[in-house]
Amino acid sequence: MTYFIVVMMQVLTIAGEVQFYIYTEPTFKEQDKCIEFVHKNNYSIGYEAAKQYEFKNKPHSLYCLTKDEMLEMRKKIEGKTPKLSV
């Protein structure tokens, strides 16, 4: 399996949608390696995600998830069929 670093942002959109920033590099074959990387680099990971939102949105949570887990999370948050592509 491939694990991605996923940053859930703090502010909802006007429509009430949760915003995510998904790192496509680096990826990890083991979740524990991803978690270790996130623990060591959480500040720079969060900074880069905030930068993508022009610092108008702050990181809320960091996750190490597979594509299927991302889709499931989005489905639970939005309560509808997800349309996420990675």
PDB file of N, CA and C in Angstrom:
ATOM      1  N   MET A   1       0.842  -1.186   0.000  1.00  0.00           N
ATOM      2  CA  MET A   1       0.000   0.000   0.000  1.00  0.00           C
ATOM      3  C   MET A   1       0.883   1.242   0.000  1.00  0.00           C
ATOM      4  N   THR A   2       0.328   2.322  -0.521  1.00  0.00           N
ATOM      5  CA  THR A   2       1.027   3.592  -0.525  1.00  0.00           C
ATOM      6  C   THR A   2       0.300   4.553   0.403  1.00  0.00           C
ATOM      7  N   TYR A   3       1.073   5.184   1.285  1.00  0.00           N
ATOM      8  CA  TYR A   3       0.525   6.150   2.234  1.00  0.00           C
ATOM      9  C   TYR A   3       0.930   7.556   1.820  1.00  0.00           C
ATOM     10  N   PHE A   4      -0.027   8.457   1.926  1.00  0.00           N
ATOM     11  CA  PHE A   4       0.165   9.859   1.593  1.00  0.00           C
ATOM     12  C   PHE A   4       0.026  10.694   2.865  1.00  0.00           C
ATOM     13  N   ILE A   5       0.711  11.824   2.903  1.00  0.00           N
ATOM     14  CA  ILE A   5       0.517  12.784   3.991  1.00  0.00           C
ATOM     15  C   ILE A   5      -0.665  13.660   3.600  1.00  0.00           C
ATOM     16  N   VAL A   6      -1.650  13.725   4.483  1.00  0.00           N
ATOM     17  CA  VAL A   6      -2.869  14.493   4.242  1.00  0.00           C
ATOM     18  C   VAL A   6      -3.017  15.514   5.362  1.00  0.00           C
ATOM     19  N   VAL A   7      -3.209  16.767   4.977  1.00  0.00           N
ATOM     20  CA  VAL A   7      -3.391  17.841   5.947  1.00  0.00           C
ATOM     21  C   VAL A   7      -4.836  18.321   5.854  1.00  0.00           C
ATOM     22  N   MET A   8      -5.561  18.194   6.959  1.00  0.00           N
ATOM     23  CA  MET A   8      -6.912  18.741   7.017  1.00  0.00           C
ATOM     24  C   MET A   8      -6.770  20.173   7.526  1.00  0.00           C
ATOM     25  N   MET A   9      -7.355  21.098   6.802  1.00  0.00           N
ATOM     26  CA  MET A   9      -7.228  22.507   7.142  1.00  0.00           C
ATOM     27  C   MET A   9      -8.312  22.905   8.138  1.00  0.00           C
ATOM     28  N   GLN A  10      -8.061  23.986   8.858  1.00  0.00           N
ATOM     29  CA  GLN A  10      -8.908  24.403   9.965  1.00  0.00           C
ATOM     30  C   GLN A  10     -10.220  25.047   9.524  1.00  0.00           C
ATOM     31  N   VAL A  11     -10.179  25.879   8.509  1.00  0.00           N
ATOM     32  CA  VAL A  11     -11.338  26.674   8.115  1.00  0.00           C
ATOM     33  C   VAL A  11     -12.175  25.933   7.070  1.00  0.00           C
ATOM     34  N   LEU A  12     -13.480  25.943   7.273  1.00  0.00           N
ATOM     35  CA  LEU A  12     -14.402  25.378   6.287  1.00  0.00           C
ATOM     36  C   LEU A  12     -14.656  26.404   5.197  1.00  0.00           C
ATOM     37  N   THR A  13     -15.026  25.928   4.025  1.00  0.00           N
ATOM     38  CA  THR A  13     -15.416  26.843   2.961  1.00  0.00           C
ATOM     39  C   THR A  13     -16.792  27.424   3.287  1.00  0.00           C
ATOM     40  N   ILE A  14     -17.203  28.403   2.525  1.00  0.00           N
ATOM     41  CA  ILE A  14     -18.529  29.006   2.714  1.00  0.00           C
ATOM     42  C   ILE A  14     -19.620  27.946   2.591  1.00  0.00           C
ATOM     43  N   ALA A  15     -19.402  26.967   1.734  1.00  0.00           N
ATOM     44  CA  ALA A  15     -20.374  25.895   1.532  1.00  0.00           C
ATOM     45  C   ALA A  15     -20.296  24.840   2.634  1.00  0.00           C
ATOM     46  N   GLY A  16     -19.388  25.026   3.599  1.00  0.00           N
ATOM     47  CA  GLY A  16     -19.271  24.076   4.697  1.00  0.00           C
ATOM     48  C   GLY A  16     -18.399  22.879   4.378  1.00  0.00           C
ATOM     49  N   GLU A  17     -17.585  22.980   3.337  1.00  0.00           N
ATOM     50  CA  GLU A  17     -16.717  21.875   2.948  1.00  0.00           C
ATOM     51  C   GLU A  17     -15.393  21.953   3.693  1.00  0.00           C
ATOM     52  N   VAL A  18     -14.862  20.793   4.029  1.00  0.00           N
ATOM     53  CA  VAL A  18     -13.553  20.705   4.652  1.00  0.00           C
ATOM     54  C   VAL A  18     -12.500  20.721   3.557  1.00  0.00           C
ATOM     55  N   GLN A  19     -11.440  21.482   3.776  1.00  0.00           N
ATOM     56  CA  GLN A  19     -10.362  21.548   2.798  1.00  0.00           C
ATOM     57  C   GLN A  19      -9.199  20.658   3.239  1.00  0.00           C
ATOM     58  N   PHE A  20      -8.611  19.966   2.266  1.00  0.00           N
ATOM     59  CA  PHE A  20      -7.463  19.100   2.515  1.00  0.00           C
ATOM     60  C   PHE A  20      -6.326  19.497   1.582  1.00  0.00           C
ATOM     61  N   TYR A  21      -5.119  19.300   2.059  1.00  0.00           N
ATOM     62  CA  TYR A  21      -3.949  19.408   1.197  1.00  0.00           C
ATOM     63  C   TYR A  21      -3.276  18.045   1.232  1.00  0.00           C
ATOM     64  N   ILE A  22      -3.085  17.436   0.069  1.00  0.00           N
ATOM     65  CA  ILE A  22      -2.527  16.093  -0.029  1.00  0.00           C
ATOM     66  C   ILE A  22      -1.147  16.173  -0.666  1.00  0.00           C
ATOM     67  N   TYR A  23      -0.161  15.691   0.050  1.00  0.00           N
ATOM     68  CA  TYR A  23       1.198  15.617  -0.482  1.00  0.00           C
ATOM     69  C   TYR A  23       1.317  14.381  -1.365  1.00  0.00           C
ATOM     70  N   THR A  24       1.752  14.558  -2.572  1.00  0.00           N
ATOM     71  CA  THR A  24       1.985  13.407  -3.452  1.00  0.00           C
ATOM     72  C   THR A  24       3.430  12.941  -3.380  1.00  0.00           C
ATOM     73  N   GLU A  25       4.290  13.740  -2.779  1.00  0.00           N
ATOM     74  CA  GLU A  25       5.689  13.379  -2.517  1.00  0.00           C
ATOM     75  C   GLU A  25       6.066  13.959  -1.161  1.00  0.00           C
ATOM     76  N   PRO A  26       6.666  13.234  -0.309  1.00  0.00           N
ATOM     77  CA  PRO A  26       7.014  11.831  -0.444  1.00  0.00           C
ATOM     78  C   PRO A  26       5.803  10.945  -0.160  1.00  0.00           C
ATOM     79  N   THR A  27       5.884   9.717  -0.596  1.00  0.00           N
ATOM     80  CA  THR A  27       4.909   8.693  -0.234  1.00  0.00           C
ATOM     81  C   THR A  27       5.661   7.605   0.513  1.00  0.00           C
ATOM     82  N   PHE A  28       4.914   6.747   1.185  1.00  0.00           N
ATOM     83  CA  PHE A  28       5.516   5.732   2.034  1.00  0.00           C
ATOM     84  C   PHE A  28       4.823   4.392   1.813  1.00  0.00           C
ATOM     85  N   LYS A  29       5.589   3.326   1.892  1.00  0.00           N
ATOM     86  CA  LYS A  29       5.038   1.969   1.755  1.00  0.00           C
ATOM     87  C   LYS A  29       4.518   1.439   3.095  1.00  0.00           C
ATOM     88  N   GLU A  30       4.979   2.036   4.185  1.00  0.00           N
ATOM     89  CA  GLU A  30       4.559   1.615   5.521  1.00  0.00           C
ATOM     90  C   GLU A  30       4.018   2.821   6.282  1.00  0.00           C
ATOM     91  N   GLN A  31       2.883   2.631   6.954  1.00  0.00           N
ATOM     92  CA  GLN A  31       2.254   3.736   7.668  1.00  0.00           C
ATOM     93  C   GLN A  31       3.138   4.247   8.802  1.00  0.00           C
ATOM     94  N   ASP A  32       3.829   3.352   9.496  1.00  0.00           N
ATOM     95  CA  ASP A  32       4.663   3.805  10.602  1.00  0.00           C
ATOM     96  C   ASP A  32       5.812   4.702  10.131  1.00  0.00           C
ATOM     97  N   LYS A  33       6.338   4.460   8.936  1.00  0.00           N
ATOM     98  CA  LYS A  33       7.386   5.322   8.372  1.00  0.00           C
ATOM     99  C   LYS A  33       6.819   6.705   8.044  1.00  0.00           C
ATOM    100  N   CYS A  34       5.599   6.731   7.547  1.00  0.00           N
ATOM    101  CA  CYS A  34       4.918   7.997   7.254  1.00  0.00           C
ATOM    102  C   CYS A  34       4.693   8.774   8.549  1.00  0.00           C
ATOM    103  N   ILE A  35       4.199   8.099   9.564  1.00  0.00           N
ATOM    104  CA  ILE A  35       3.936   8.749  10.851  1.00  0.00           C
ATOM    105  C   ILE A  35       5.232   9.291  11.454  1.00  0.00           C
ATOM    106  N   GLU A  36       6.288   8.532  11.371  1.00  0.00           N
ATOM    107  CA  GLU A  36       7.590   8.981  11.871  1.00  0.00           C
ATOM    108  C   GLU A  36       8.041  10.247  11.137  1.00  0.00           C
ATOM    109  N   PHE A  37       7.886  10.258   9.832  1.00  0.00           N
ATOM    110  CA  PHE A  37       8.247  11.427   9.023  1.00  0.00           C
ATOM    111  C   PHE A  37       7.406  12.634   9.428  1.00  0.00           C
ATOM    112  N   VAL A  38       6.113  12.440   9.610  1.00  0.00           N
ATOM    113  CA  VAL A  38       5.211  13.533   9.990  1.00  0.00           C
ATOM    114  C   VAL A  38       5.590  14.085  11.361  1.00  0.00           C
ATOM    115  N   HIS A  39       5.902  13.212  12.312  1.00  0.00           N
ATOM    116  CA  HIS A  39       6.308  13.670  13.644  1.00  0.00           C
ATOM    117  C   HIS A  39       7.574  14.520  13.584  1.00  0.00           C
ATOM    118  N   LYS A  40       8.510  14.118  12.757  1.00  0.00           N
ATOM    119  CA  LYS A  40       9.780  14.844  12.648  1.00  0.00           C
ATOM    120  C   LYS A  40       9.658  16.142  11.852  1.00  0.00           C
ATOM    121  N   ASN A  41       8.675  16.217  10.966  1.00  0.00           N
ATOM    122  CA  ASN A  41       8.572  17.346  10.033  1.00  0.00           C
ATOM    123  C   ASN A  41       7.230  18.065  10.094  1.00  0.00           C
ATOM    124  N   ASN A  42       6.509  17.949  11.200  1.00  0.00           N
ATOM    125  CA  ASN A  42       5.141  18.487  11.231  1.00  0.00           C
ATOM    126  C   ASN A  42       5.091  19.989  10.982  1.00  0.00           C
ATOM    127  N   TYR A  43       6.063  20.735  11.468  1.00  0.00           N
ATOM    128  CA  TYR A  43       6.034  22.188  11.249  1.00  0.00           C
ATOM    129  C   TYR A  43       6.157  22.520   9.758  1.00  0.00           C
ATOM    130  N   SER A  44       7.150  21.938   9.091  1.00  0.00           N
ATOM    131  CA  SER A  44       7.345  22.260   7.670  1.00  0.00           C
ATOM    132  C   SER A  44       6.196  21.720   6.814  1.00  0.00           C
ATOM    133  N   ILE A  45       5.627  20.588   7.187  1.00  0.00           N
ATOM    134  CA  ILE A  45       4.470  20.042   6.463  1.00  0.00           C
ATOM    135  C   ILE A  45       3.292  21.013   6.572  1.00  0.00           C
ATOM    136  N   GLY A  46       3.004  21.453   7.790  1.00  0.00           N
ATOM    137  CA  GLY A  46       1.909  22.392   8.007  1.00  0.00           C
ATOM    138  C   GLY A  46       2.151  23.733   7.333  1.00  0.00           C
ATOM    139  N   TYR A  47       3.396  24.203   7.376  1.00  0.00           N
ATOM    140  CA  TYR A  47       3.755  25.468   6.743  1.00  0.00           C
ATOM    141  C   TYR A  47       3.492  25.415   5.238  1.00  0.00           C
ATOM    142  N   GLU A  48       3.939  24.348   4.594  1.00  0.00           N
ATOM    143  CA  GLU A  48       3.742  24.216   3.141  1.00  0.00           C
ATOM    144  C   GLU A  48       2.262  24.129   2.780  1.00  0.00           C
ATOM    145  N   ALA A  49       1.477  23.431   3.596  1.00  0.00           N
ATOM    146  CA  ALA A  49       0.034  23.346   3.336  1.00  0.00           C
ATOM    147  C   ALA A  49      -0.609  24.726   3.485  1.00  0.00           C
ATOM    148  N   ALA A  50      -0.256  25.453   4.547  1.00  0.00           N
ATOM    149  CA  ALA A  50      -0.803  26.801   4.758  1.00  0.00           C
ATOM    150  C   ALA A  50      -0.395  27.740   3.622  1.00  0.00           C
ATOM    151  N   LYS A  51       0.824  27.577   3.163  1.00  0.00           N
ATOM    152  CA  LYS A  51       1.333  28.398   2.054  1.00  0.00           C
ATOM    153  C   LYS A  51       0.471  28.208   0.805  1.00  0.00           C
ATOM    154  N   GLN A  52       0.005  26.985   0.555  1.00  0.00           N
ATOM    155  CA  GLN A  52      -0.833  26.708  -0.610  1.00  0.00           C
ATOM    156  C   GLN A  52      -2.173  27.441  -0.520  1.00  0.00           C
ATOM    157  N   TYR A  53      -2.595  27.761   0.696  1.00  0.00           N
ATOM    158  CA  TYR A  53      -3.835  28.518   0.904  1.00  0.00           C
ATOM    159  C   TYR A  53      -3.525  29.987   1.199  1.00  0.00           C
ATOM    160  N   GLU A  54      -2.323  30.419   0.803  1.00  0.00           N
ATOM    161  CA  GLU A  54      -1.869  31.800   0.984  1.00  0.00           C
ATOM    162  C   GLU A  54      -1.977  32.241   2.439  1.00  0.00           C
ATOM    163  N   PHE A  55      -1.772  31.301   3.349  1.00  0.00           N
ATOM    164  CA  PHE A  55      -1.796  31.524   4.801  1.00  0.00           C
ATOM    165  C   PHE A  55      -3.141  32.045   5.303  1.00  0.00           C
ATOM    166  N   LYS A  56      -4.196  31.842   4.519  1.00  0.00           N
ATOM    167  CA  LYS A  56      -5.546  32.235   4.929  1.00  0.00           C
ATOM    168  C   LYS A  56      -6.244  31.087   5.662  1.00  0.00           C
ATOM    169  N   ASN A  57      -5.629  29.934   5.652  1.00  0.00           N
ATOM    170  CA  ASN A  57      -6.186  28.747   6.284  1.00  0.00           C
ATOM    171  C   ASN A  57      -5.050  28.014   6.985  1.00  0.00           C
ATOM    172  N   LYS A  58      -5.285  27.611   8.219  1.00  0.00           N
ATOM    173  CA  LYS A  58      -4.256  26.946   9.011  1.00  0.00           C
ATOM    174  C   LYS A  58      -4.489  25.433   9.037  1.00  0.00           C
ATOM    175  N   PRO A  59      -3.413  24.681   9.168  1.00  0.00           N
ATOM    176  CA  PRO A  59      -3.564  23.225   9.299  1.00  0.00           C
ATOM    177  C   PRO A  59      -4.258  22.874  10.617  1.00  0.00           C
ATOM    178  N   HIS A  60      -5.102  21.883  10.560  1.00  0.00           N
ATOM    179  CA  HIS A  60      -5.812  21.404  11.754  1.00  0.00           C
ATOM    180  C   HIS A  60      -5.257  20.053  12.186  1.00  0.00           C
ATOM    181  N   SER A  61      -5.132  19.125  11.248  1.00  0.00           N
ATOM    182  CA  SER A  61      -4.695  17.764  11.564  1.00  0.00           C
ATOM    183  C   SER A  61      -3.845  17.217  10.437  1.00  0.00           C
ATOM    184  N   LEU A  62      -2.901  16.355  10.793  1.00  0.00           N
ATOM    185  CA  LEU A  62      -2.061  15.668   9.822  1.00  0.00           C
ATOM    186  C   LEU A  62      -2.350  14.180   9.904  1.00  0.00           C
ATOM    187  N   TYR A  63      -2.455  13.544   8.744  1.00  0.00           N
ATOM    188  CA  TYR A  63      -2.753  12.124   8.671  1.00  0.00           C
ATOM    189  C   TYR A  63      -1.807  11.432   7.696  1.00  0.00           C
ATOM    190  N   CYS A  64      -1.650  10.153   7.884  1.00  0.00           N
ATOM    191  CA  CYS A  64      -0.962   9.288   6.928  1.00  0.00           C
ATOM    192  C   CYS A  64      -2.002   8.273   6.459  1.00  0.00           C
ATOM    193  N   LEU A  65      -2.469   8.442   5.229  1.00  0.00           N
ATOM    194  CA  LEU A  65      -3.594   7.652   4.753  1.00  0.00           C
ATOM    195  C   LEU A  65      -3.337   7.086   3.361  1.00  0.00           C
ATOM    196  N   THR A  66      -3.985   5.968   3.092  1.00  0.00           N
ATOM    197  CA  THR A  66      -3.996   5.425   1.737  1.00  0.00           C
ATOM    198  C   THR A  66      -5.079   6.157   0.950  1.00  0.00           C
ATOM    199  N   LYS A  67      -5.094   5.961  -0.352  1.00  0.00           N
ATOM    200  CA  LYS A  67      -6.125   6.584  -1.185  1.00  0.00           C
ATOM    201  C   LYS A  67      -7.513   6.146  -0.721  1.00  0.00           C
ATOM    202  N   ASP A  68      -7.683   4.854  -0.446  1.00  0.00           N
ATOM    203  CA  ASP A  68      -8.986   4.355   0.009  1.00  0.00           C
ATOM    204  C   ASP A  68      -9.393   4.988   1.343  1.00  0.00           C
ATOM    205  N   GLU A  69      -8.437   5.153   2.248  1.00  0.00           N
ATOM    206  CA  GLU A  69      -8.744   5.784   3.535  1.00  0.00           C
ATOM    207  C   GLU A  69      -9.118   7.257   3.355  1.00  0.00           C
ATOM    208  N   MET A  70      -8.465   7.933   2.405  1.00  0.00           N
ATOM    209  CA  MET A  70      -8.831   9.328   2.116  1.00  0.00           C
ATOM    210  C   MET A  70     -10.259   9.407   1.596  1.00  0.00           C
ATOM    211  N   LEU A  71     -10.601   8.517   0.700  1.00  0.00           N
ATOM    212  CA  LEU A  71     -11.961   8.504   0.148  1.00  0.00           C
ATOM    213  C   LEU A  71     -12.989   8.231   1.234  1.00  0.00           C
ATOM    214  N   GLU A  72     -12.680   7.306   2.126  1.00  0.00           N
ATOM    215  CA  GLU A  72     -13.590   6.972   3.220  1.00  0.00           C
ATOM    216  C   GLU A  72     -13.746   8.156   4.179  1.00  0.00           C
ATOM    217  N   MET A  73     -12.643   8.840   4.487  1.00  0.00           N
ATOM    218  CA  MET A  73     -12.708  10.011   5.358  1.00  0.00           C
ATOM    219  C   MET A  73     -13.573  11.091   4.731  1.00  0.00           C
ATOM    220  N   ARG A  74     -13.346  11.339   3.469  1.00  0.00           N
ATOM    221  CA  ARG A  74     -14.130  12.371   2.781  1.00  0.00           C
ATOM    222  C   ARG A  74     -15.607  11.992   2.759  1.00  0.00           C
ATOM    223  N   LYS A  75     -15.887  10.743   2.523  1.00  0.00           N
ATOM    224  CA  LYS A  75     -17.272  10.262   2.491  1.00  0.00           C
ATOM    225  C   LYS A  75     -17.946  10.508   3.845  1.00  0.00           C
ATOM    226  N   LYS A  76     -17.249  10.217   4.929  1.00  0.00           N
ATOM    227  CA  LYS A  76     -17.812  10.422   6.267  1.00  0.00           C
ATOM    228  C   LYS A  76     -18.013  11.901   6.568  1.00  0.00           C
ATOM    229  N   ILE A  77     -17.040  12.725   6.175  1.00  0.00           N
ATOM    230  CA  ILE A  77     -17.122  14.161   6.453  1.00  0.00           C
ATOM    231  C   ILE A  77     -18.238  14.811   5.648  1.00  0.00           C
ATOM    232  N   GLU A  78     -18.311  14.485   4.384  1.00  0.00           N
ATOM    233  CA  GLU A  78     -19.287  15.140   3.515  1.00  0.00           C
ATOM    234  C   GLU A  78     -20.628  14.442   3.469  1.00  0.00           C
ATOM    235  N   GLY A  79     -20.659  13.180   3.910  1.00  0.00           N
ATOM    236  CA  GLY A  79     -21.911  12.452   3.899  1.00  0.00           C
ATOM    237  C   GLY A  79     -22.438  12.143   2.519  1.00  0.00           C
ATOM    238  N   LYS A  80     -21.522  12.050   1.543  1.00  0.00           N
ATOM    239  CA  LYS A  80     -21.926  11.736   0.183  1.00  0.00           C
ATOM    240  C   LYS A  80     -20.794  10.993  -0.519  1.00  0.00           C
ATOM    241  N   THR A  81     -21.039  10.545  -1.723  1.00  0.00           N
ATOM    242  CA  THR A  81     -20.041   9.810  -2.487  1.00  0.00           C
ATOM    243  C   THR A  81     -18.867  10.718  -2.808  1.00  0.00           C
ATOM    244  N   PRO A  82     -17.651  10.316  -2.438  1.00  0.00           N
ATOM    245  CA  PRO A  82     -16.490  11.170  -2.675  1.00  0.00           C
ATOM    246  C   PRO A  82     -16.060  11.210  -4.141  1.00  0.00           C
ATOM    247  N   LYS A  83     -15.453  12.319  -4.521  1.00  0.00           N
ATOM    248  CA  LYS A  83     -14.936  12.490  -5.874  1.00  0.00           C
ATOM    249  C   LYS A  83     -13.501  12.996  -5.776  1.00  0.00           C
ATOM    250  N   LEU A  84     -12.680  12.247  -5.080  1.00  0.00           N
ATOM    251  CA  LEU A  84     -11.295  12.613  -4.837  1.00  0.00           C
ATOM    252  C   LEU A  84     -10.390  11.823  -5.768  1.00  0.00           C
ATOM    253  N   SER A  85      -9.490  12.494  -6.430  1.00  0.00           N
ATOM    254  CA  SER A  85      -8.542  11.782  -7.249  1.00  0.00           C
ATOM    255  C   SER A  85      -7.134  12.123  -6.793  1.00  0.00           C
ATOM    256  N   VAL A  86      -6.317  11.104  -6.712  1.00  0.00           N
ATOM    257  CA  VAL A  86      -4.930  11.279  -6.265  1.00  0.00           C
ATOM    258  C   VAL A  86      -4.029  10.736  -7.336  1.00  0.00           C
TER     259      VAL A  86
END
